[in-house]
Amino acid sequence: MMEFNGKAALVTGGTRGIGAAIVRHLAKGGADVAFTYASAEDKAAALVGELKALGRRALAIQADSGDPDAVRGGVERAASELGRLDILVNNAGIFPSGPVEKVTLEELDRTLAIHVRGVFIASQAALAHMTHGGRIISIGSCFAQRVPYGGVTLYSMSKSALLGMTRGLAREVGERGITVNVIDPGPTDTDMNPADGPTATSELALLALNHYARPEDIAATVGHLAGAGGRFITGTSIAVDGGFSA
């Protein structure tokens, strides 16, 4: 079923892991998709090729999600070249970790710039192009719901901010028929957190299910929220975390 035929989407941080899975899922559902990337030009070009092979329009945009001008410019370019913008997925992120005493001001500012300011600016810019049925979906983290060990204070703080933004924005744009939600993934098998990595055993012990998520599991939930099934879901967070927060 081509649920997203005639739709256009922008996914930030779309060249690898969860982001790339979201890009592919939306394209396979019929959407034309633009995505941003920081530096992996070869991966971006390869993904554009995949999408074009599916018969979709595809656009790779080099943009640092910590740069407000680049974020706005990416949204405007996606809307202009695709002719519309129906779906925004705020996925770009980093994973700062370590004792709170060692967090530098630069690290603090960089994390908040990408995880909070960048999401706000992208959403703000996208709303200028969205009509009834628009979707804004942000990728948060299970650490916004539960923090079972130390060293992730900055990360969990930055991801927790997404729920406040989501609730407030959902109230503002609900009358326009636009939904706003955040997905909080648990441990997911990506190059940043491989299922056979050094911390996998300890992370598995925190789950109700004895396995990591695949990026496609997160993408499927994005697809549900972006499609007809998500028409009455807004202003909330959805945990796709294998029971991490149970």
C-alpha atoms as a PDB file:
ATOM      1  CA  MET A   1       0.000   0.000   0.000  1.00  0.00           C
ATOM      2  CA  MET A   2       1.438   3.368  -1.032  1.00  0.00           C
ATOM      3  CA  GLU A   3       0.086   5.319   1.921  1.00  0.00           C
ATOM      4  CA  PHE A   4       2.334   8.309   1.322  1.00  0.00           C
ATOM      5  CA  ASN A   5       1.732   8.812  -2.402  1.00  0.00           C
ATOM      6  CA  GLY A   6       1.769  12.524  -3.172  1.00  0.00           C
ATOM      7  CA  LYS A   7       3.421  13.361   0.152  1.00  0.00           C
ATOM      8  CA  ALA A   8       6.814  14.963   0.734  1.00  0.00           C
ATOM      9  CA  ALA A   9       8.962  14.354   3.803  1.00  0.00           C
ATOM     10  CA  LEU A  10      12.130  15.746   5.351  1.00  0.00           C
ATOM     11  CA  VAL A  11      14.210  13.598   7.703  1.00  0.00           C
ATOM     12  CA  THR A  12      17.127  15.198   9.535  1.00  0.00           C
ATOM     13  CA  GLY A  13      20.195  13.028  10.002  1.00  0.00           C
ATOM     14  CA  GLY A  14      19.055  10.571   7.382  1.00  0.00           C
ATOM     15  CA  THR A  15      22.129   8.758   6.106  1.00  0.00           C
ATOM     16  CA  ARG A  16      22.575   6.005   8.674  1.00  0.00           C
ATOM     17  CA  GLY A  17      20.937   3.968  11.415  1.00  0.00           C
ATOM     18  CA  ILE A  18      17.443   4.994  12.456  1.00  0.00           C
ATOM     19  CA  GLY A  19      17.406   7.988  10.114  1.00  0.00           C
ATOM     20  CA  ALA A  20      18.183   5.962   7.006  1.00  0.00           C
ATOM     21  CA  ALA A  21      15.567   3.365   7.977  1.00  0.00           C
ATOM     22  CA  ILE A  22      12.974   6.132   8.278  1.00  0.00           C
ATOM     23  CA  VAL A  23      13.937   7.567   4.893  1.00  0.00           C
ATOM     24  CA  ARG A  24      13.567   4.146   3.251  1.00  0.00           C
ATOM     25  CA  HIS A  25      10.277   3.384   4.998  1.00  0.00           C
ATOM     26  CA  LEU A  26       8.644   6.619   3.888  1.00  0.00           C
ATOM     27  CA  ALA A  27       9.962   6.246   0.342  1.00  0.00           C
ATOM     28  CA  LYS A  28       8.712   2.667   0.090  1.00  0.00           C
ATOM     29  CA  GLY A  29       5.317   3.995   1.174  1.00  0.00           C
ATOM     30  CA  GLY A  30       5.286   6.389  -1.766  1.00  0.00           C
ATOM     31  CA  ALA A  31       6.701   9.617  -0.320  1.00  0.00           C
ATOM     32  CA  ASP A  32       9.251  11.858  -1.974  1.00  0.00           C
ATOM     33  CA  VAL A  33      11.954  12.304   0.629  1.00  0.00           C
ATOM     34  CA  ALA A  34      14.607  14.878   1.423  1.00  0.00           C
ATOM     35  CA  PHE A  35      17.110  14.214   4.178  1.00  0.00           C
ATOM     36  CA  THR A  36      19.969  16.088   5.783  1.00  0.00           C
ATOM     37  CA  TYR A  37      23.433  14.804   6.515  1.00  0.00           C
ATOM     38  CA  ALA A  38      26.483  16.246   8.236  1.00  0.00           C
ATOM     39  CA  SER A  39      29.451  14.869   6.308  1.00  0.00           C
ATOM     40  CA  ALA A  40      28.849  11.383   4.866  1.00  0.00           C
ATOM     41  CA  GLU A  41      28.455  12.528   1.255  1.00  0.00           C
ATOM     42  CA  ASP A  42      29.060   9.055  -0.169  1.00  0.00           C
ATOM     43  CA  LYS A  43      26.327   7.501   1.976  1.00  0.00           C
ATOM     44  CA  ALA A  44      23.980  10.346   1.106  1.00  0.00           C
ATOM     45  CA  ALA A  45      24.545   9.842  -2.616  1.00  0.00           C
ATOM     46  CA  ALA A  46      23.999   6.091  -2.306  1.00  0.00           C
ATOM     47  CA  LEU A  47      20.732   6.598  -0.438  1.00  0.00           C
ATOM     48  CA  VAL A  48      19.498   9.074  -3.043  1.00  0.00           C
ATOM     49  CA  GLY A  49      20.206   6.402  -5.651  1.00  0.00           C
ATOM     50  CA  GLU A  50      18.133   3.860  -3.701  1.00  0.00           C
ATOM     51  CA  LEU A  51      15.170   6.204  -3.498  1.00  0.00           C
ATOM     52  CA  LYS A  52      15.315   7.156  -7.159  1.00  0.00           C
ATOM     53  CA  ALA A  53      15.370   3.452  -8.040  1.00  0.00           C
ATOM     54  CA  LEU A  54      12.014   3.222  -6.252  1.00  0.00           C
ATOM     55  CA  GLY A  55      10.687   5.960  -8.512  1.00  0.00           C
ATOM     56  CA  ARG A  56      10.759   8.652  -5.828  1.00  0.00           C
ATOM     57  CA  ARG A  57      12.137  12.133  -5.913  1.00  0.00           C
ATOM     58  CA  ALA A  58      15.018  12.290  -3.463  1.00  0.00           C
ATOM     59  CA  LEU A  59      17.168  15.105  -2.155  1.00  0.00           C
ATOM     60  CA  ALA A  60      20.253  15.008   0.077  1.00  0.00           C
ATOM     61  CA  ILE A  61      20.976  18.273   1.883  1.00  0.00           C
ATOM     62  CA  GLN A  62      24.243  18.865   3.702  1.00  0.00           C
ATOM     63  CA  ALA A  63      23.281  20.727   6.867  1.00  0.00           C
ATOM     64  CA  ASP A  64      24.646  20.895  10.401  1.00  0.00           C
ATOM     65  CA  SER A  65      21.656  20.563  12.734  1.00  0.00           C
ATOM     66  CA  GLY A  66      23.464  22.738  15.245  1.00  0.00           C
ATOM     67  CA  ASP A  67      23.515  25.655  12.790  1.00  0.00           C
ATOM     68  CA  PRO A  68      20.171  27.516  12.806  1.00  0.00           C
ATOM     69  CA  ASP A  69      20.677  29.012   9.351  1.00  0.00           C
ATOM     70  CA  ALA A  70      21.502  25.580   7.910  1.00  0.00           C
ATOM     71  CA  VAL A  71      18.429  24.085   9.561  1.00  0.00           C
ATOM     72  CA  ARG A  72      16.113  26.743   8.163  1.00  0.00           C
ATOM     73  CA  GLY A  73      17.782  26.549   4.781  1.00  0.00           C
ATOM     74  CA  GLY A  74      17.370  22.777   4.679  1.00  0.00           C
ATOM     75  CA  VAL A  75      13.652  22.996   5.367  1.00  0.00           C
ATOM     76  CA  GLU A  76      13.162  25.709   2.750  1.00  0.00           C
ATOM     77  CA  ARG A  77      15.141  23.807   0.144  1.00  0.00           C
ATOM     78  CA  ALA A  78      13.229  20.582   0.783  1.00  0.00           C
ATOM     79  CA  ALA A  79       9.861  22.335   0.495  1.00  0.00           C
ATOM     80  CA  SER A  80      10.920  24.217  -2.621  1.00  0.00           C
ATOM     81  CA  GLU A  81      12.458  21.326  -4.543  1.00  0.00           C
ATOM     82  CA  LEU A  82       9.820  18.765  -3.567  1.00  0.00           C
ATOM     83  CA  GLY A  83       7.011  21.264  -4.061  1.00  0.00           C
ATOM     84  CA  ARG A  84       5.481  20.762  -0.616  1.00  0.00           C
ATOM     85  CA  LEU A  85       6.231  19.476   2.875  1.00  0.00           C
ATOM     86  CA  ASP A  86       3.876  17.136   4.702  1.00  0.00           C
ATOM     87  CA  ILE A  87       6.100  15.227   7.119  1.00  0.00           C
ATOM     88  CA  LEU A  88       9.053  16.395   9.225  1.00  0.00           C
ATOM     89  CA  VAL A  89      11.065  13.854  11.178  1.00  0.00           C
ATOM     90  CA  ASN A  90      13.567  15.412  13.588  1.00  0.00           C
ATOM     91  CA  ASN A  91      16.068  12.604  13.894  1.00  0.00           C
ATOM     92  CA  ALA A  92      19.560  14.158  13.894  1.00  0.00           C
ATOM     93  CA  GLY A  93      21.400  13.623  17.151  1.00  0.00           C
ATOM     94  CA  ILE A  94      24.615  12.999  19.028  1.00  0.00           C
ATOM     95  CA  PHE A  95      25.350  10.988  22.169  1.00  0.00           C
ATOM     96  CA  PRO A  96      27.384  12.895  24.752  1.00  0.00           C
ATOM     97  CA  SER A  97      28.294  10.816  27.775  1.00  0.00           C
ATOM     98  CA  GLY A  98      30.509  10.977  30.821  1.00  0.00           C
ATOM     99  CA  PRO A  99      30.499  12.429  34.347  1.00  0.00           C
ATOM    100  CA  VAL A 100      28.558  15.658  34.675  1.00  0.00           C
ATOM    101  CA  GLU A 101      31.576  17.354  36.230  1.00  0.00           C
ATOM    102  CA  LYS A 102      33.481  16.904  32.977  1.00  0.00           C
ATOM    103  CA  VAL A 103      30.817  18.320  30.646  1.00  0.00           C
ATOM    104  CA  THR A 104      32.217  21.423  28.993  1.00  0.00           C
ATOM    105  CA  LEU A 105      30.240  24.502  28.101  1.00  0.00           C
ATOM    106  CA  GLU A 106      30.953  23.785  24.439  1.00  0.00           C
ATOM    107  CA  GLU A 107      29.570  20.240  24.764  1.00  0.00           C
ATOM    108  CA  LEU A 108      26.500  21.532  26.581  1.00  0.00           C
ATOM    109  CA  ASP A 109      25.813  24.171  23.951  1.00  0.00           C
ATOM    110  CA  ARG A 110      26.407  21.766  21.054  1.00  0.00           C
ATOM    111  CA  THR A 111      24.051  19.125  22.450  1.00  0.00           C
ATOM    112  CA  LEU A 112      21.251  21.589  23.140  1.00  0.00           C
ATOM    113  CA  ALA A 113      21.781  23.229  19.749  1.00  0.00           C
ATOM    114  CA  ILE A 114      21.179  19.934  17.938  1.00  0.00           C
ATOM    115  CA  HIS A 115      18.627  18.213  20.178  1.00  0.00           C
ATOM    116  CA  VAL A 116      16.533  21.206  21.226  1.00  0.00           C
ATOM    117  CA  ARG A 117      17.166  24.376  19.230  1.00  0.00           C
ATOM    118  CA  GLY A 118      17.551  22.547  15.929  1.00  0.00           C
ATOM    119  CA  VAL A 119      14.312  20.617  16.449  1.00  0.00           C
ATOM    120  CA  PHE A 120      12.438  23.793  17.379  1.00  0.00           C
ATOM    121  CA  ILE A 121      13.749  25.726  14.379  1.00  0.00           C
ATOM    122  CA  ALA A 122      13.085  22.903  11.910  1.00  0.00           C
ATOM    123  CA  SER A 123       9.542  22.514  13.234  1.00  0.00           C
ATOM    124  CA  GLN A 124       8.954  26.259  13.138  1.00  0.00           C
ATOM    125  CA  ALA A 125      10.166  26.474   9.539  1.00  0.00           C
ATOM    126  CA  ALA A 126       8.245  23.382   8.425  1.00  0.00           C
ATOM    127  CA  LEU A 127       4.954  24.701   9.761  1.00  0.00           C
ATOM    128  CA  ALA A 128       5.029  27.496   7.204  1.00  0.00           C
ATOM    129  CA  HIS A 129       4.607  24.831   4.513  1.00  0.00           C
ATOM    130  CA  MET A 130       2.313  22.318   6.224  1.00  0.00           C
ATOM    131  CA  THR A 131      -1.417  22.040   5.666  1.00  0.00           C
ATOM    132  CA  HIS A 132      -4.113  19.854   7.203  1.00  0.00           C
ATOM    133  CA  GLY A 133      -2.709  16.374   7.794  1.00  0.00           C
ATOM    134  CA  GLY A 134       0.844  17.566   8.412  1.00  0.00           C
ATOM    135  CA  ARG A 135       3.023  15.554  10.749  1.00  0.00           C
ATOM    136  CA  ILE A 136       5.937  16.540  12.986  1.00  0.00           C
ATOM    137  CA  ILE A 137       7.694  13.586  14.601  1.00  0.00           C
ATOM    138  CA  SER A 138      10.810  13.858  16.748  1.00  0.00           C
ATOM    139  CA  ILE A 139      13.114  11.012  17.738  1.00  0.00           C
ATOM    140  CA  GLY A 140      13.817  11.191  21.455  1.00  0.00           C
ATOM    141  CA  SER A 141      15.313   8.532  23.691  1.00  0.00           C
ATOM    142  CA  CYS A 142      14.375   5.984  26.334  1.00  0.00           C
ATOM    143  CA  PHE A 143      16.605   8.038  28.651  1.00  0.00           C
ATOM    144  CA  ALA A 144      13.924  10.716  28.644  1.00  0.00           C
ATOM    145  CA  GLN A 145      11.716   8.232  30.512  1.00  0.00           C
ATOM    146  CA  ARG A 146      14.182   6.367  32.694  1.00  0.00           C
ATOM    147  CA  VAL A 147      17.856   6.841  33.585  1.00  0.00           C
ATOM    148  CA  PRO A 148      19.135   3.621  35.189  1.00  0.00           C
ATOM    149  CA  TYR A 149      22.810   4.623  35.418  1.00  0.00           C
ATOM    150  CA  GLY A 150      25.003   7.695  35.466  1.00  0.00           C
ATOM    151  CA  GLY A 151      26.938   9.445  32.746  1.00  0.00           C
ATOM    152  CA  VAL A 152      24.017  10.490  30.538  1.00  0.00           C
ATOM    153  CA  THR A 153      22.740  13.566  32.381  1.00  0.00           C
ATOM    154  CA  LEU A 154      23.264  15.968  29.480  1.00  0.00           C
ATOM    155  CA  TYR A 155      21.849  13.544  26.922  1.00  0.00           C
ATOM    156  CA  SER A 156      18.747  12.667  28.948  1.00  0.00           C
ATOM    157  CA  MET A 157      18.111  16.335  29.739  1.00  0.00           C
ATOM    158  CA  SER A 158      18.262  17.316  26.088  1.00  0.00           C
ATOM    159  CA  LYS A 159      15.960  14.521  24.968  1.00  0.00           C
ATOM    160  CA  SER A 160      13.482  15.208  27.777  1.00  0.00           C
ATOM    161  CA  ALA A 161      13.017  18.731  26.419  1.00  0.00           C
ATOM    162  CA  LEU A 162      11.390  17.269  23.318  1.00  0.00           C
ATOM    163  CA  LEU A 163       8.290  16.184  25.210  1.00  0.00           C
ATOM    164  CA  GLY A 164       7.636  19.700  26.502  1.00  0.00           C
ATOM    165  CA  MET A 165       7.983  21.097  23.005  1.00  0.00           C
ATOM    166  CA  THR A 166       5.784  18.348  21.596  1.00  0.00           C
ATOM    167  CA  ARG A 167       2.974  18.998  24.066  1.00  0.00           C
ATOM    168  CA  GLY A 168       3.053  22.749  23.577  1.00  0.00           C
ATOM    169  CA  LEU A 169       3.268  22.616  19.798  1.00  0.00           C
ATOM    170  CA  ALA A 170       0.496  20.029  19.529  1.00  0.00           C
ATOM    171  CA  ARG A 171      -1.826  22.465  21.298  1.00  0.00           C
ATOM    172  CA  GLU A 172      -0.842  25.282  18.948  1.00  0.00           C
ATOM    173  CA  VAL A 173      -1.311  23.473  15.656  1.00  0.00           C
ATOM    174  CA  GLY A 174      -4.054  20.967  16.438  1.00  0.00           C
ATOM    175  CA  GLU A 175      -6.741  23.226  15.004  1.00  0.00           C
ATOM    176  CA  ARG A 176      -4.837  23.138  11.724  1.00  0.00           C
ATOM    177  CA  GLY A 177      -5.056  19.336  11.620  1.00  0.00           C
ATOM    178  CA  ILE A 178      -1.318  18.909  12.217  1.00  0.00           C
ATOM    179  CA  THR A 179      -0.086  16.328  14.727  1.00  0.00           C
ATOM    180  CA  VAL A 180       3.110  16.505  16.785  1.00  0.00           C
ATOM    181  CA  ASN A 181       4.652  13.528  18.591  1.00  0.00           C
ATOM    182  CA  VAL A 182       7.927  12.169  19.896  1.00  0.00           C
ATOM    183  CA  ILE A 183       9.178   8.577  19.730  1.00  0.00           C
ATOM    184  CA  ASP A 184      11.523   7.352  22.469  1.00  0.00           C
ATOM    185  CA  PRO A 185      13.582   4.427  21.151  1.00  0.00           C
ATOM    186  CA  GLY A 186      15.353   1.966  23.390  1.00  0.00           C
ATOM    187  CA  PRO A 187      18.665   0.267  22.550  1.00  0.00           C
ATOM    188  CA  THR A 188      18.747  -0.032  18.774  1.00  0.00           C
ATOM    189  CA  ASP A 189      21.256  -1.942  16.678  1.00  0.00           C
ATOM    190  CA  THR A 190      23.149   0.790  14.828  1.00  0.00           C
ATOM    191  CA  ASP A 191      26.801   1.615  14.274  1.00  0.00           C
ATOM    192  CA  MET A 192      26.582   3.993  17.257  1.00  0.00           C
ATOM    193  CA  ASN A 193      25.234   1.266  19.566  1.00  0.00           C
ATOM    194  CA  PRO A 194      25.736  -2.186  18.001  1.00  0.00           C
ATOM    195  CA  ALA A 195      23.876  -5.155  19.435  1.00  0.00           C
ATOM    196  CA  ASP A 196      27.213  -6.948  19.841  1.00  0.00           C
ATOM    197  CA  GLY A 197      28.998  -3.936  21.320  1.00  0.00           C
ATOM    198  CA  PRO A 198      30.799  -3.725  24.691  1.00  0.00           C
ATOM    199  CA  THR A 199      27.736  -2.395  26.563  1.00  0.00           C
ATOM    200  CA  ALA A 200      25.182  -4.713  24.964  1.00  0.00           C
ATOM    201  CA  THR A 201      24.991  -7.227  27.817  1.00  0.00           C
ATOM    202  CA  SER A 202      24.284  -4.566  30.432  1.00  0.00           C
ATOM    203  CA  GLU A 203      21.719  -2.845  28.215  1.00  0.00           C
ATOM    204  CA  LEU A 204      19.903  -6.098  27.457  1.00  0.00           C
ATOM    205  CA  ALA A 205      19.531  -6.661  31.200  1.00  0.00           C
ATOM    206  CA  LEU A 206      17.411  -3.491  31.350  1.00  0.00           C
ATOM    207  CA  LEU A 207      14.908  -4.686  28.731  1.00  0.00           C
ATOM    208  CA  ALA A 208      11.808  -6.844  29.040  1.00  0.00           C
ATOM    209  CA  LEU A 209      12.617  -8.264  25.588  1.00  0.00           C
ATOM    210  CA  ASN A 210      15.920 -10.036  25.182  1.00  0.00           C
ATOM    211  CA  HIS A 211      17.045  -8.258  22.046  1.00  0.00           C
ATOM    212  CA  TYR A 212      17.840  -4.851  20.623  1.00  0.00           C
ATOM    213  CA  ALA A 213      15.485  -3.040  18.292  1.00  0.00           C
ATOM    214  CA  ARG A 214      16.261  -2.853  14.607  1.00  0.00           C
ATOM    215  CA  PRO A 215      16.207   0.606  13.013  1.00  0.00           C
ATOM    216  CA  GLU A 216      13.214  -0.626  11.007  1.00  0.00           C
ATOM    217  CA  ASP A 217      11.235  -1.042  14.249  1.00  0.00           C
ATOM    218  CA  ILE A 218      11.541   2.669  14.947  1.00  0.00           C
ATOM    219  CA  ALA A 219      10.816   3.519  11.302  1.00  0.00           C
ATOM    220  CA  ALA A 220       7.602   1.484  11.434  1.00  0.00           C
ATOM    221  CA  THR A 221       6.316   3.587  14.310  1.00  0.00           C
ATOM    222  CA  VAL A 222       7.233   6.753  12.431  1.00  0.00           C
ATOM    223  CA  GLY A 223       5.261   5.384   9.500  1.00  0.00           C
ATOM    224  CA  HIS A 224       2.235   4.744  11.681  1.00  0.00           C
ATOM    225  CA  LEU A 225       2.289   8.258  13.139  1.00  0.00           C
ATOM    226  CA  ALA A 226       2.876   9.805   9.712  1.00  0.00           C
ATOM    227  CA  GLY A 227       0.029   7.882   8.116  1.00  0.00           C
ATOM    228  CA  ALA A 228      -3.702   7.591   8.560  1.00  0.00           C
ATOM    229  CA  GLY A 229      -3.236   5.524  11.713  1.00  0.00           C
ATOM    230  CA  GLY A 230      -1.721   8.532  13.456  1.00  0.00           C
ATOM    231  CA  ARG A 231      -4.524  10.989  12.729  1.00  0.00           C
ATOM    232  CA  PHE A 232      -5.764  11.001  16.356  1.00  0.00           C
ATOM    233  CA  ILE A 233      -2.399  10.761  18.113  1.00  0.00           C
ATOM    234  CA  THR A 234      -0.792  14.040  19.108  1.00  0.00           C
ATOM    235  CA  GLY A 235       1.054  15.738  21.945  1.00  0.00           C
ATOM    236  CA  THR A 236       2.517  12.550  23.346  1.00  0.00           C
ATOM    237  CA  SER A 237       5.583  10.319  23.508  1.00  0.00           C
ATOM    238  CA  ILE A 238       5.578   6.720  22.360  1.00  0.00           C
ATOM    239  CA  ALA A 239       8.157   4.340  23.811  1.00  0.00           C
ATOM    240  CA  VAL A 240       9.594   1.849  21.331  1.00  0.00           C
ATOM    241  CA  ASP A 241      12.048   0.520  23.857  1.00  0.00           C
ATOM    242  CA  GLY A 242      11.588  -3.226  24.398  1.00  0.00           C
ATOM    243  CA  GLY A 243      10.300  -2.606  27.911  1.00  0.00           C
ATOM    244  CA  PHE A 244      13.201  -0.396  29.022  1.00  0.00           C
ATOM    245  CA  SER A 245      10.764   1.989  30.750  1.00  0.00           C
ATOM    246  CA  ALA A 246       8.435  -0.734  32.092  1.00  0.00           C
END
